[in-house]
């Protein structure tokens, strides 16, 4: 498959019980210069108020808005993302989180850089607590040199400071030059050809609890011969500051998710034994567009 103006794209947005942030994330999607062909909210067991919010937003949303939900049985992000992938029909998938506010050209940037044989890894601009509060209070998102955000220091990966502001600039010509195999996998800003996700069977649903589901998928995609390309100076997104949901160190090698990650690396695994194929039949008839109904599609 080759990138073209006819490529269809789905936005896959994960969420869990932060409706205020999700509302802002969806507002940023609605203002895209290149709208996605559909948006699927992958909901890992949020309360009913999230579904109510989505029904309200759908009334004026510019593209089909769909909601796939599963009961709250702990952190099962891999499973709900797979169900979102199973429900979509587009050629291309742009995945982000419900606490990410997208630059107006976010979708256009991902599509402009998409090529067969690779997937794209974007970055995030982590807003300060003060800036997060301003945005949640209705403030206009700001990108560029003067954004109020934290930036990781290469010399000390444990701290944040106010340098490296050039990564907040959108420079499409430079983004094309800088698109290369590098970067750190992050599921909050990443895009794939859907057929590549199906080839590796999506996320590994044996992963329960916080962390590493995006790292493990990254490993298997590369094992399948795909190249990860880092996006710099394009595909910009603000990440709202919040407390980490994990009570443990997500890099702990003794965690069960990390053991699965290392096993995929060591065995050069390509397909997940428990992945998206288990859900394809559930969505053979598609997933309801919330703009067309006042009821929520709750598929477990």
C-alpha atoms as a PDB file:
ATOM      1  CA  UNK A   1       0.000   0.000   0.000  1.00  0.00           C
ATOM      2  CA  UNK A   2       1.290   3.441  -0.871  1.00  0.00           C
ATOM      3  CA  UNK A   3       0.538   6.752   0.750  1.00  0.00           C
ATOM      4  CA  UNK A   4      -1.881   8.867  -1.290  1.00  0.00           C
ATOM      5  CA  UNK A   5      -4.559  11.491  -0.911  1.00  0.00           C
ATOM      6  CA  UNK A   6      -7.097   8.644  -0.940  1.00  0.00           C
ATOM      7  CA  UNK A   7      -5.655   6.970   2.163  1.00  0.00           C
ATOM      8  CA  UNK A   8      -8.298   6.647   4.868  1.00  0.00           C
ATOM      9  CA  UNK A   9      -7.268   7.193   8.477  1.00  0.00           C
ATOM     10  CA  UNK A  10      -8.752   6.333  11.863  1.00  0.00           C
ATOM     11  CA  UNK A  11      -7.839   8.085  15.095  1.00  0.00           C
ATOM     12  CA  UNK A  12      -7.617   5.628  17.992  1.00  0.00           C
ATOM     13  CA  UNK A  13      -7.811   7.420  21.357  1.00  0.00           C
ATOM     14  CA  UNK A  14      -7.438   5.507  24.631  1.00  0.00           C
ATOM     15  CA  UNK A  15      -9.117   6.794  27.783  1.00  0.00           C
ATOM     16  CA  UNK A  16      -9.953   5.967  31.369  1.00  0.00           C
ATOM     17  CA  UNK A  17     -11.999   8.168  33.718  1.00  0.00           C
ATOM     18  CA  UNK A  18     -10.679  11.608  32.761  1.00  0.00           C
ATOM     19  CA  UNK A  19     -13.554  13.094  30.814  1.00  0.00           C
ATOM     20  CA  UNK A  20     -12.291  16.680  31.131  1.00  0.00           C
ATOM     21  CA  UNK A  21      -9.055  15.828  29.346  1.00  0.00           C
ATOM     22  CA  UNK A  22     -10.861  13.679  26.775  1.00  0.00           C
ATOM     23  CA  UNK A  23     -13.145  16.580  25.889  1.00  0.00           C
ATOM     24  CA  UNK A  24     -10.106  18.749  25.116  1.00  0.00           C
ATOM     25  CA  UNK A  25      -8.436  15.963  23.139  1.00  0.00           C
ATOM     26  CA  UNK A  26     -11.529  15.523  20.979  1.00  0.00           C
ATOM     27  CA  UNK A  27     -11.828  19.269  20.481  1.00  0.00           C
ATOM     28  CA  UNK A  28      -8.290  19.266  19.090  1.00  0.00           C
ATOM     29  CA  UNK A  29      -9.258  16.446  16.713  1.00  0.00           C
ATOM     30  CA  UNK A  30     -12.317  18.363  15.477  1.00  0.00           C
ATOM     31  CA  UNK A  31     -10.065  21.305  14.505  1.00  0.00           C
ATOM     32  CA  UNK A  32      -7.643  19.269  12.394  1.00  0.00           C
ATOM     33  CA  UNK A  33      -6.673  20.686   9.000  1.00  0.00           C
ATOM     34  CA  UNK A  34      -7.003  17.134   7.660  1.00  0.00           C
ATOM     35  CA  UNK A  35      -9.827  15.466   9.534  1.00  0.00           C
ATOM     36  CA  UNK A  36      -9.590  11.744  10.231  1.00  0.00           C
ATOM     37  CA  UNK A  37     -12.230   9.587   8.573  1.00  0.00           C
ATOM     38  CA  UNK A  38     -13.387   8.373  11.968  1.00  0.00           C
ATOM     39  CA  UNK A  39     -12.461   8.552  15.644  1.00  0.00           C
ATOM     40  CA  UNK A  40     -12.642   5.505  17.898  1.00  0.00           C
ATOM     41  CA  UNK A  41     -12.418   6.070  21.649  1.00  0.00           C
ATOM     42  CA  UNK A  42     -10.982   2.923  23.269  1.00  0.00           C
ATOM     43  CA  UNK A  43     -12.306   3.031  26.825  1.00  0.00           C
ATOM     44  CA  UNK A  44     -10.761   0.751  29.464  1.00  0.00           C
ATOM     45  CA  UNK A  45     -13.769   0.743  31.801  1.00  0.00           C
ATOM     46  CA  UNK A  46     -14.616   4.406  32.445  1.00  0.00           C
ATOM     47  CA  UNK A  47     -17.738   5.396  34.354  1.00  0.00           C
ATOM     48  CA  UNK A  48     -20.979   6.257  32.567  1.00  0.00           C
ATOM     49  CA  UNK A  49     -20.131   9.967  32.606  1.00  0.00           C
ATOM     50  CA  UNK A  50     -17.553   9.358  29.862  1.00  0.00           C
ATOM     51  CA  UNK A  51     -20.161   7.719  27.643  1.00  0.00           C
ATOM     52  CA  UNK A  52     -22.532  10.608  28.354  1.00  0.00           C
ATOM     53  CA  UNK A  53     -19.825  13.097  27.383  1.00  0.00           C
ATOM     54  CA  UNK A  54     -19.211  11.296  24.101  1.00  0.00           C
ATOM     55  CA  UNK A  55     -22.898  11.303  23.200  1.00  0.00           C
ATOM     56  CA  UNK A  56     -22.985  15.049  23.795  1.00  0.00           C
ATOM     57  CA  UNK A  57     -19.816  15.751  21.805  1.00  0.00           C
ATOM     58  CA  UNK A  58     -20.998  13.520  18.953  1.00  0.00           C
ATOM     59  CA  UNK A  59     -23.942  15.813  18.196  1.00  0.00           C
ATOM     60  CA  UNK A  60     -21.641  18.418  16.666  1.00  0.00           C
ATOM     61  CA  UNK A  61     -18.616  16.291  15.780  1.00  0.00           C
ATOM     62  CA  UNK A  62     -17.401  16.601  12.160  1.00  0.00           C
ATOM     63  CA  UNK A  63     -16.617  12.886  11.580  1.00  0.00           C
ATOM     64  CA  UNK A  64     -17.990   9.558  12.849  1.00  0.00           C
ATOM     65  CA  UNK A  65     -17.299   9.183  16.571  1.00  0.00           C
ATOM     66  CA  UNK A  66     -17.360   5.661  17.956  1.00  0.00           C
ATOM     67  CA  UNK A  67     -16.996   4.314  21.483  1.00  0.00           C
ATOM     68  CA  UNK A  68     -15.707   0.849  22.353  1.00  0.00           C
ATOM     69  CA  UNK A  69     -15.816   0.034  26.061  1.00  0.00           C
ATOM     70  CA  UNK A  70     -14.892  -2.872  28.315  1.00  0.00           C
ATOM     71  CA  UNK A  71     -15.593  -3.457  32.022  1.00  0.00           C
ATOM     72  CA  UNK A  72     -13.093  -2.089  34.527  1.00  0.00           C
ATOM     73  CA  UNK A  73     -11.076  -5.166  35.501  1.00  0.00           C
ATOM     74  CA  UNK A  74      -7.764  -3.449  36.051  1.00  0.00           C
ATOM     75  CA  UNK A  75      -5.396  -1.954  33.481  1.00  0.00           C
ATOM     76  CA  UNK A  76      -6.178  -3.796  30.229  1.00  0.00           C
ATOM     77  CA  UNK A  77      -5.074  -1.265  27.657  1.00  0.00           C
ATOM     78  CA  UNK A  78      -3.753  -3.890  25.236  1.00  0.00           C
ATOM     79  CA  UNK A  79      -7.171  -5.525  24.980  1.00  0.00           C
ATOM     80  CA  UNK A  80      -9.207  -2.350  24.495  1.00  0.00           C
ATOM     81  CA  UNK A  81      -6.781  -1.054  21.859  1.00  0.00           C
ATOM     82  CA  UNK A  82      -7.124  -4.332  19.987  1.00  0.00           C
ATOM     83  CA  UNK A  83     -10.889  -3.981  20.067  1.00  0.00           C
ATOM     84  CA  UNK A  84     -10.556  -0.497  18.634  1.00  0.00           C
ATOM     85  CA  UNK A  85      -8.299  -1.793  15.868  1.00  0.00           C
ATOM     86  CA  UNK A  86     -10.756  -4.588  15.137  1.00  0.00           C
ATOM     87  CA  UNK A  87     -13.638  -2.107  14.868  1.00  0.00           C
ATOM     88  CA  UNK A  88     -12.002   0.252  12.347  1.00  0.00           C
ATOM     89  CA  UNK A  89     -11.868  -0.113   8.586  1.00  0.00           C
ATOM     90  CA  UNK A  90      -9.388   2.602   7.571  1.00  0.00           C
ATOM     91  CA  UNK A  91      -6.062   2.052   5.831  1.00  0.00           C
ATOM     92  CA  UNK A  92      -4.057   3.938   8.429  1.00  0.00           C
ATOM     93  CA  UNK A  93      -4.217   4.177  12.240  1.00  0.00           C
ATOM     94  CA  UNK A  94      -3.041   7.143  14.299  1.00  0.00           C
ATOM     95  CA  UNK A  95      -3.005   6.258  17.989  1.00  0.00           C
ATOM     96  CA  UNK A  96      -2.962   8.741  20.830  1.00  0.00           C
ATOM     97  CA  UNK A  97      -4.222   9.089  24.402  1.00  0.00           C
ATOM     98  CA  UNK A  98      -7.174  10.961  25.827  1.00  0.00           C
ATOM     99  CA  UNK A  99      -4.874  13.397  27.641  1.00  0.00           C
ATOM    100  CA  UNK A 100      -3.107  14.589  24.470  1.00  0.00           C
ATOM    101  CA  UNK A 101      -4.014  17.882  22.761  1.00  0.00           C
ATOM    102  CA  UNK A 102      -3.065  17.790  19.105  1.00  0.00           C
ATOM    103  CA  UNK A 103      -1.542  20.469  16.906  1.00  0.00           C
ATOM    104  CA  UNK A 104      -3.906  21.536  14.122  1.00  0.00           C
ATOM    105  CA  UNK A 105      -1.784  19.700  11.508  1.00  0.00           C
ATOM    106  CA  UNK A 106      -1.195  16.563  13.597  1.00  0.00           C
ATOM    107  CA  UNK A 107      -3.137  14.183  11.324  1.00  0.00           C
ATOM    108  CA  UNK A 108      -1.802  15.811   8.150  1.00  0.00           C
ATOM    109  CA  UNK A 109       1.777  15.457   9.419  1.00  0.00           C
ATOM    110  CA  UNK A 110       1.421  11.744  10.152  1.00  0.00           C
ATOM    111  CA  UNK A 111      -0.096  11.073   6.733  1.00  0.00           C
ATOM    112  CA  UNK A 112       2.522  13.187   4.951  1.00  0.00           C
ATOM    113  CA  UNK A 113       5.321  11.081   6.458  1.00  0.00           C
ATOM    114  CA  UNK A 114       3.616   7.682   6.193  1.00  0.00           C
ATOM    115  CA  UNK A 115       5.351   5.195   3.886  1.00  0.00           C
ATOM    116  CA  UNK A 116       5.002   1.453   3.262  1.00  0.00           C
ATOM    117  CA  UNK A 117       7.327  -0.647   5.347  1.00  0.00           C
ATOM    118  CA  UNK A 118       7.504   1.675   8.333  1.00  0.00           C
ATOM    119  CA  UNK A 119       5.547   3.038  11.263  1.00  0.00           C
ATOM    120  CA  UNK A 120       5.894   6.477  12.813  1.00  0.00           C
ATOM    121  CA  UNK A 121       6.807   7.351  16.397  1.00  0.00           C
ATOM    122  CA  UNK A 122       5.996  10.867  17.525  1.00  0.00           C
ATOM    123  CA  UNK A 123       6.867  12.641  20.745  1.00  0.00           C
ATOM    124  CA  UNK A 124       4.970  14.588  23.390  1.00  0.00           C
ATOM    125  CA  UNK A 125       5.281  18.042  24.902  1.00  0.00           C
ATOM    126  CA  UNK A 126       4.699  17.546  28.614  1.00  0.00           C
ATOM    127  CA  UNK A 127       2.877  20.609  29.956  1.00  0.00           C
ATOM    128  CA  UNK A 128       3.640  21.900  33.434  1.00  0.00           C
ATOM    129  CA  UNK A 129       1.081  21.609  36.216  1.00  0.00           C
ATOM    130  CA  UNK A 130       0.247  25.309  35.825  1.00  0.00           C
ATOM    131  CA  UNK A 131      -0.199  25.006  32.061  1.00  0.00           C
ATOM    132  CA  UNK A 132      -2.289  21.856  32.474  1.00  0.00           C
ATOM    133  CA  UNK A 133      -4.592  23.724  34.869  1.00  0.00           C
ATOM    134  CA  UNK A 134      -4.879  26.613  32.387  1.00  0.00           C
ATOM    135  CA  UNK A 135      -5.809  24.270  29.554  1.00  0.00           C
ATOM    136  CA  UNK A 136      -8.364  22.379  31.631  1.00  0.00           C
ATOM    137  CA  UNK A 137      -9.903  25.731  32.554  1.00  0.00           C
ATOM    138  CA  UNK A 138     -10.489  26.474  28.872  1.00  0.00           C
ATOM    139  CA  UNK A 139      -7.206  28.112  27.854  1.00  0.00           C
ATOM    140  CA  UNK A 140      -6.121  27.969  24.230  1.00  0.00           C
ATOM    141  CA  UNK A 141      -3.381  25.374  23.514  1.00  0.00           C
ATOM    142  CA  UNK A 142      -0.005  26.914  22.678  1.00  0.00           C
ATOM    143  CA  UNK A 143       2.764  25.339  20.635  1.00  0.00           C
ATOM    144  CA  UNK A 144       6.202  26.619  19.777  1.00  0.00           C
ATOM    145  CA  UNK A 145       9.123  28.186  21.582  1.00  0.00           C
ATOM    146  CA  UNK A 146       7.215  29.729  24.491  1.00  0.00           C
ATOM    147  CA  UNK A 147       5.084  26.734  25.485  1.00  0.00           C
ATOM    148  CA  UNK A 148       5.033  26.176  29.262  1.00  0.00           C
ATOM    149  CA  UNK A 149       6.349  22.615  29.423  1.00  0.00           C
ATOM    150  CA  UNK A 150       8.943  20.299  30.923  1.00  0.00           C
ATOM    151  CA  UNK A 151      11.780  18.940  28.791  1.00  0.00           C
ATOM    152  CA  UNK A 152      13.934  15.931  29.581  1.00  0.00           C
ATOM    153  CA  UNK A 153      17.637  16.560  30.027  1.00  0.00           C
ATOM    154  CA  UNK A 154      19.799  14.186  28.016  1.00  0.00           C
ATOM    155  CA  UNK A 155      22.574  14.448  30.609  1.00  0.00           C
ATOM    156  CA  UNK A 156      20.278  13.450  33.466  1.00  0.00           C
ATOM    157  CA  UNK A 157      17.308  11.366  32.377  1.00  0.00           C
ATOM    158  CA  UNK A 158      15.733  11.575  35.836  1.00  0.00           C
ATOM    159  CA  UNK A 159      15.126  15.337  35.739  1.00  0.00           C
ATOM    160  CA  UNK A 160      13.197  17.867  33.711  1.00  0.00           C
ATOM    161  CA  UNK A 161      14.169  21.391  32.824  1.00  0.00           C
ATOM    162  CA  UNK A 162      13.133  24.150  30.464  1.00  0.00           C
ATOM    163  CA  UNK A 163      15.583  23.571  27.595  1.00  0.00           C
ATOM    164  CA  UNK A 164      15.373  21.777  24.207  1.00  0.00           C
ATOM    165  CA  UNK A 165      12.559  24.057  23.053  1.00  0.00           C
ATOM    166  CA  UNK A 166      13.362  23.493  19.390  1.00  0.00           C
ATOM    167  CA  UNK A 167      11.390  20.241  19.618  1.00  0.00           C
ATOM    168  CA  UNK A 168       8.219  22.300  20.076  1.00  0.00           C
ATOM    169  CA  UNK A 169       8.572  23.911  16.632  1.00  0.00           C
ATOM    170  CA  UNK A 170       6.654  22.652  13.617  1.00  0.00           C
ATOM    171  CA  UNK A 171       8.964  22.690  10.586  1.00  0.00           C
ATOM    172  CA  UNK A 172       7.607  20.240   7.957  1.00  0.00           C
ATOM    173  CA  UNK A 173      10.643  20.496   5.658  1.00  0.00           C
ATOM    174  CA  UNK A 174      12.939  19.587   8.545  1.00  0.00           C
ATOM    175  CA  UNK A 175      10.590  16.821   9.683  1.00  0.00           C
ATOM    176  CA  UNK A 176      11.075  15.086   6.325  1.00  0.00           C
ATOM    177  CA  UNK A 177      14.854  15.292   6.693  1.00  0.00           C
ATOM    178  CA  UNK A 178      14.816  14.091  10.314  1.00  0.00           C
ATOM    179  CA  UNK A 179      12.430  11.158   9.806  1.00  0.00           C
ATOM    180  CA  UNK A 180      14.684   8.205  10.602  1.00  0.00           C
ATOM    181  CA  UNK A 181      14.989   5.053  12.659  1.00  0.00           C
ATOM    182  CA  UNK A 182      15.366   6.303  16.206  1.00  0.00           C
ATOM    183  CA  UNK A 183      13.406   7.404  19.229  1.00  0.00           C
ATOM    184  CA  UNK A 184      11.698   5.709  22.134  1.00  0.00           C
ATOM    185  CA  UNK A 185       8.388   3.840  21.661  1.00  0.00           C
ATOM    186  CA  UNK A 186       5.411   5.689  23.150  1.00  0.00           C
ATOM    187  CA  UNK A 187       1.800   4.687  22.516  1.00  0.00           C
ATOM    188  CA  UNK A 188       0.545   8.239  23.046  1.00  0.00           C
ATOM    189  CA  UNK A 189       1.737   9.393  19.601  1.00  0.00           C
ATOM    190  CA  UNK A 190       2.277   6.644  17.055  1.00  0.00           C
ATOM    191  CA  UNK A 191       0.855   5.591  13.698  1.00  0.00           C
ATOM    192  CA  UNK A 192       0.738   2.410  11.627  1.00  0.00           C
ATOM    193  CA  UNK A 193      -0.736   0.859   8.517  1.00  0.00           C
ATOM    194  CA  UNK A 194      -3.638  -1.215   9.806  1.00  0.00           C
ATOM    195  CA  UNK A 195      -2.603  -4.198   7.694  1.00  0.00           C
ATOM    196  CA  UNK A 196       0.761  -4.221   9.520  1.00  0.00           C
ATOM    197  CA  UNK A 197      -1.021  -4.309  12.891  1.00  0.00           C
ATOM    198  CA  UNK A 198      -3.137  -7.219  11.718  1.00  0.00           C
ATOM    199  CA  UNK A 199      -0.042  -9.030  10.446  1.00  0.00           C
ATOM    200  CA  UNK A 200       1.520  -9.030  13.927  1.00  0.00           C
ATOM    201  CA  UNK A 201      -1.887  -9.604  15.582  1.00  0.00           C
ATOM    202  CA  UNK A 202      -1.975  -6.246  17.348  1.00  0.00           C
ATOM    203  CA  UNK A 203      -1.162  -5.826  21.021  1.00  0.00           C
ATOM    204  CA  UNK A 204      -0.355  -8.782  23.266  1.00  0.00           C
ATOM    205  CA  UNK A 205      -3.352  -9.167  25.577  1.00  0.00           C
ATOM    206  CA  UNK A 206      -1.398 -11.294  28.019  1.00  0.00           C
ATOM    207  CA  UNK A 207      -0.109  -7.940  29.248  1.00  0.00           C
ATOM    208  CA  UNK A 208      -2.096  -6.784  32.272  1.00  0.00           C
ATOM    209  CA  UNK A 209      -1.224  -3.781  34.377  1.00  0.00           C
ATOM    210  CA  UNK A 210       0.582  -0.575  33.500  1.00  0.00           C
ATOM    211  CA  UNK A 211       3.475  -0.454  31.083  1.00  0.00           C
ATOM    212  CA  UNK A 212       5.346  -2.044  28.177  1.00  0.00           C
ATOM    213  CA  UNK A 213       2.451  -2.966  25.854  1.00  0.00           C
ATOM    214  CA  UNK A 214       3.673  -0.310  23.410  1.00  0.00           C
ATOM    215  CA  UNK A 215       7.316  -1.416  23.741  1.00  0.00           C
ATOM    216  CA  UNK A 216       6.412  -5.051  23.064  1.00  0.00           C
ATOM    217  CA  UNK A 217       4.363  -4.194  19.965  1.00  0.00           C
ATOM    218  CA  UNK A 218       7.271  -2.075  18.729  1.00  0.00           C
ATOM    219  CA  UNK A 219       9.585  -5.081  19.034  1.00  0.00           C
ATOM    220  CA  UNK A 220       7.304  -7.381  17.042  1.00  0.00           C
ATOM    221  CA  UNK A 221       6.714  -4.820  14.302  1.00  0.00           C
ATOM    222  CA  UNK A 222      10.477  -4.519  13.844  1.00  0.00           C
ATOM    223  CA  UNK A 223      10.823  -8.310  13.974  1.00  0.00           C
ATOM    224  CA  UNK A 224       8.334  -8.356  11.090  1.00  0.00           C
ATOM    225  CA  UNK A 225      10.711  -6.226   9.034  1.00  0.00           C
ATOM    226  CA  UNK A 226       9.123  -2.829   9.588  1.00  0.00           C
ATOM    227  CA  UNK A 227      11.169   0.249  10.397  1.00  0.00           C
ATOM    228  CA  UNK A 228      10.299   2.658  13.202  1.00  0.00           C
ATOM    229  CA  UNK A 229      10.777   6.280  12.128  1.00  0.00           C
ATOM    230  CA  UNK A 230      10.884   9.085  14.642  1.00  0.00           C
ATOM    231  CA  UNK A 231       8.889  12.253  13.941  1.00  0.00           C
ATOM    232  CA  UNK A 232      10.572  15.498  14.945  1.00  0.00           C
ATOM    233  CA  UNK A 233       9.313  18.990  14.108  1.00  0.00           C
ATOM    234  CA  UNK A 234       5.885  17.621  13.124  1.00  0.00           C
ATOM    235  CA  UNK A 235       3.053  15.635  14.663  1.00  0.00           C
ATOM    236  CA  UNK A 236       3.160  17.875  17.742  1.00  0.00           C
ATOM    237  CA  UNK A 237       0.969  17.136  20.767  1.00  0.00           C
ATOM    238  CA  UNK A 238       0.671  18.492  24.297  1.00  0.00           C
ATOM    239  CA  UNK A 239       0.500  15.947  27.114  1.00  0.00           C
ATOM    240  CA  UNK A 240      -1.497  17.068  30.136  1.00  0.00           C
ATOM    241  CA  UNK A 241       0.431  16.577  33.374  1.00  0.00           C
ATOM    242  CA  UNK A 242      -0.994  14.001  35.782  1.00  0.00           C
ATOM    243  CA  UNK A 243       0.049  11.553  38.437  1.00  0.00           C
ATOM    244  CA  UNK A 244       1.433   8.264  37.108  1.00  0.00           C
ATOM    245  CA  UNK A 245      -1.121   5.465  37.353  1.00  0.00           C
ATOM    246  CA  UNK A 246       1.551   2.916  38.271  1.00  0.00           C
ATOM    247  CA  UNK A 247       2.572   2.289  41.864  1.00  0.00           C
ATOM    248  CA  UNK A 248       5.664   0.357  40.707  1.00  0.00           C
ATOM    249  CA  UNK A 249       8.662   1.061  38.530  1.00  0.00           C
ATOM    250  CA  UNK A 250       7.400   0.155  35.014  1.00  0.00           C
ATOM    251  CA  UNK A 251      10.952  -0.718  33.930  1.00  0.00           C
ATOM    252  CA  UNK A 252      11.350  -3.392  36.638  1.00  0.00           C
ATOM    253  CA  UNK A 253      12.533  -6.519  34.755  1.00  0.00           C
ATOM    254  CA  UNK A 254      10.659  -8.752  37.195  1.00  0.00           C
ATOM    255  CA  UNK A 255       7.252  -7.408  36.142  1.00  0.00           C
ATOM    256  CA  UNK A 256       5.267  -9.930  34.110  1.00  0.00           C
ATOM    257  CA  UNK A 257       4.761  -7.470  31.239  1.00  0.00           C
ATOM    258  CA  UNK A 258       8.494  -6.919  30.931  1.00  0.00           C
ATOM    259  CA  UNK A 259       9.155 -10.638  30.927  1.00  0.00           C
ATOM    260  CA  UNK A 260       6.833 -10.900  27.910  1.00  0.00           C
ATOM    261  CA  UNK A 261       8.651  -7.967  26.314  1.00  0.00           C
ATOM    262  CA  UNK A 262      12.061  -9.587  26.749  1.00  0.00           C
ATOM    263  CA  UNK A 263      10.724 -12.914  25.477  1.00  0.00           C
ATOM    264  CA  UNK A 264       9.533 -11.260  22.265  1.00  0.00           C
ATOM    265  CA  UNK A 265      12.992  -9.744  21.807  1.00  0.00           C
ATOM    266  CA  UNK A 266      14.853 -12.960  22.545  1.00  0.00           C
ATOM    267  CA  UNK A 267      12.685 -15.192  20.336  1.00  0.00           C
ATOM    268  CA  UNK A 268      12.232 -12.643  17.517  1.00  0.00           C
ATOM    269  CA  UNK A 269       8.482 -13.066  17.879  1.00  0.00           C
ATOM    270  CA  UNK A 270       6.247 -11.515  15.212  1.00  0.00           C
ATOM    271  CA  UNK A 271       2.654 -12.494  16.041  1.00  0.00           C
ATOM    272  CA  UNK A 272       1.031 -12.187  19.423  1.00  0.00           C
ATOM    273  CA  UNK A 273      -0.574 -15.466  20.541  1.00  0.00           C
ATOM    274  CA  UNK A 274      -3.432 -13.489  22.106  1.00  0.00           C
ATOM    275  CA  UNK A 275      -4.257 -10.454  20.044  1.00  0.00           C
ATOM    276  CA  UNK A 276      -6.600  -8.583  17.751  1.00  0.00           C
ATOM    277  CA  UNK A 277      -7.799 -11.607  15.752  1.00  0.00           C
ATOM    278  CA  UNK A 278      -9.965 -12.658  18.716  1.00  0.00           C
ATOM    279  CA  UNK A 279     -12.109  -9.529  18.216  1.00  0.00           C
ATOM    280  CA  UNK A 280     -12.478  -9.193  14.461  1.00  0.00           C
ATOM    281  CA  UNK A 281     -15.699 -11.191  14.370  1.00  0.00           C
ATOM    282  CA  UNK A 282     -17.290  -9.009  17.049  1.00  0.00           C
ATOM    283  CA  UNK A 283     -17.169  -5.989  14.747  1.00  0.00           C
ATOM    284  CA  UNK A 284     -17.995  -7.592  11.414  1.00  0.00           C
ATOM    285  CA  UNK A 285     -21.075  -5.374  11.253  1.00  0.00           C
ATOM    286  CA  UNK A 286     -19.157  -2.246  12.239  1.00  0.00           C
ATOM    287  CA  UNK A 287     -19.431  -0.012  15.283  1.00  0.00           C
ATOM    288  CA  UNK A 288     -22.187   2.535  15.772  1.00  0.00           C
ATOM    289  CA  UNK A 289     -21.543   6.194  14.977  1.00  0.00           C
ATOM    290  CA  UNK A 290     -22.586   8.131  18.082  1.00  0.00           C
ATOM    291  CA  UNK A 291     -23.782  10.976  15.865  1.00  0.00           C
ATOM    292  CA  UNK A 292     -26.589   8.744  14.643  1.00  0.00           C
ATOM    293  CA  UNK A 293     -27.882   7.423  17.932  1.00  0.00           C
ATOM    294  CA  UNK A 294     -28.258   8.511  21.546  1.00  0.00           C
ATOM    295  CA  UNK A 295     -27.298   5.067  22.823  1.00  0.00           C
ATOM    296  CA  UNK A 296     -23.770   3.875  23.505  1.00  0.00           C
ATOM    297  CA  UNK A 297     -22.329   0.782  21.895  1.00  0.00           C
ATOM    298  CA  UNK A 298     -21.074  -1.266  24.823  1.00  0.00           C
ATOM    299  CA  UNK A 299     -19.255  -4.286  23.408  1.00  0.00           C
ATOM    300  CA  UNK A 300     -17.587  -6.459  25.986  1.00  0.00           C
END
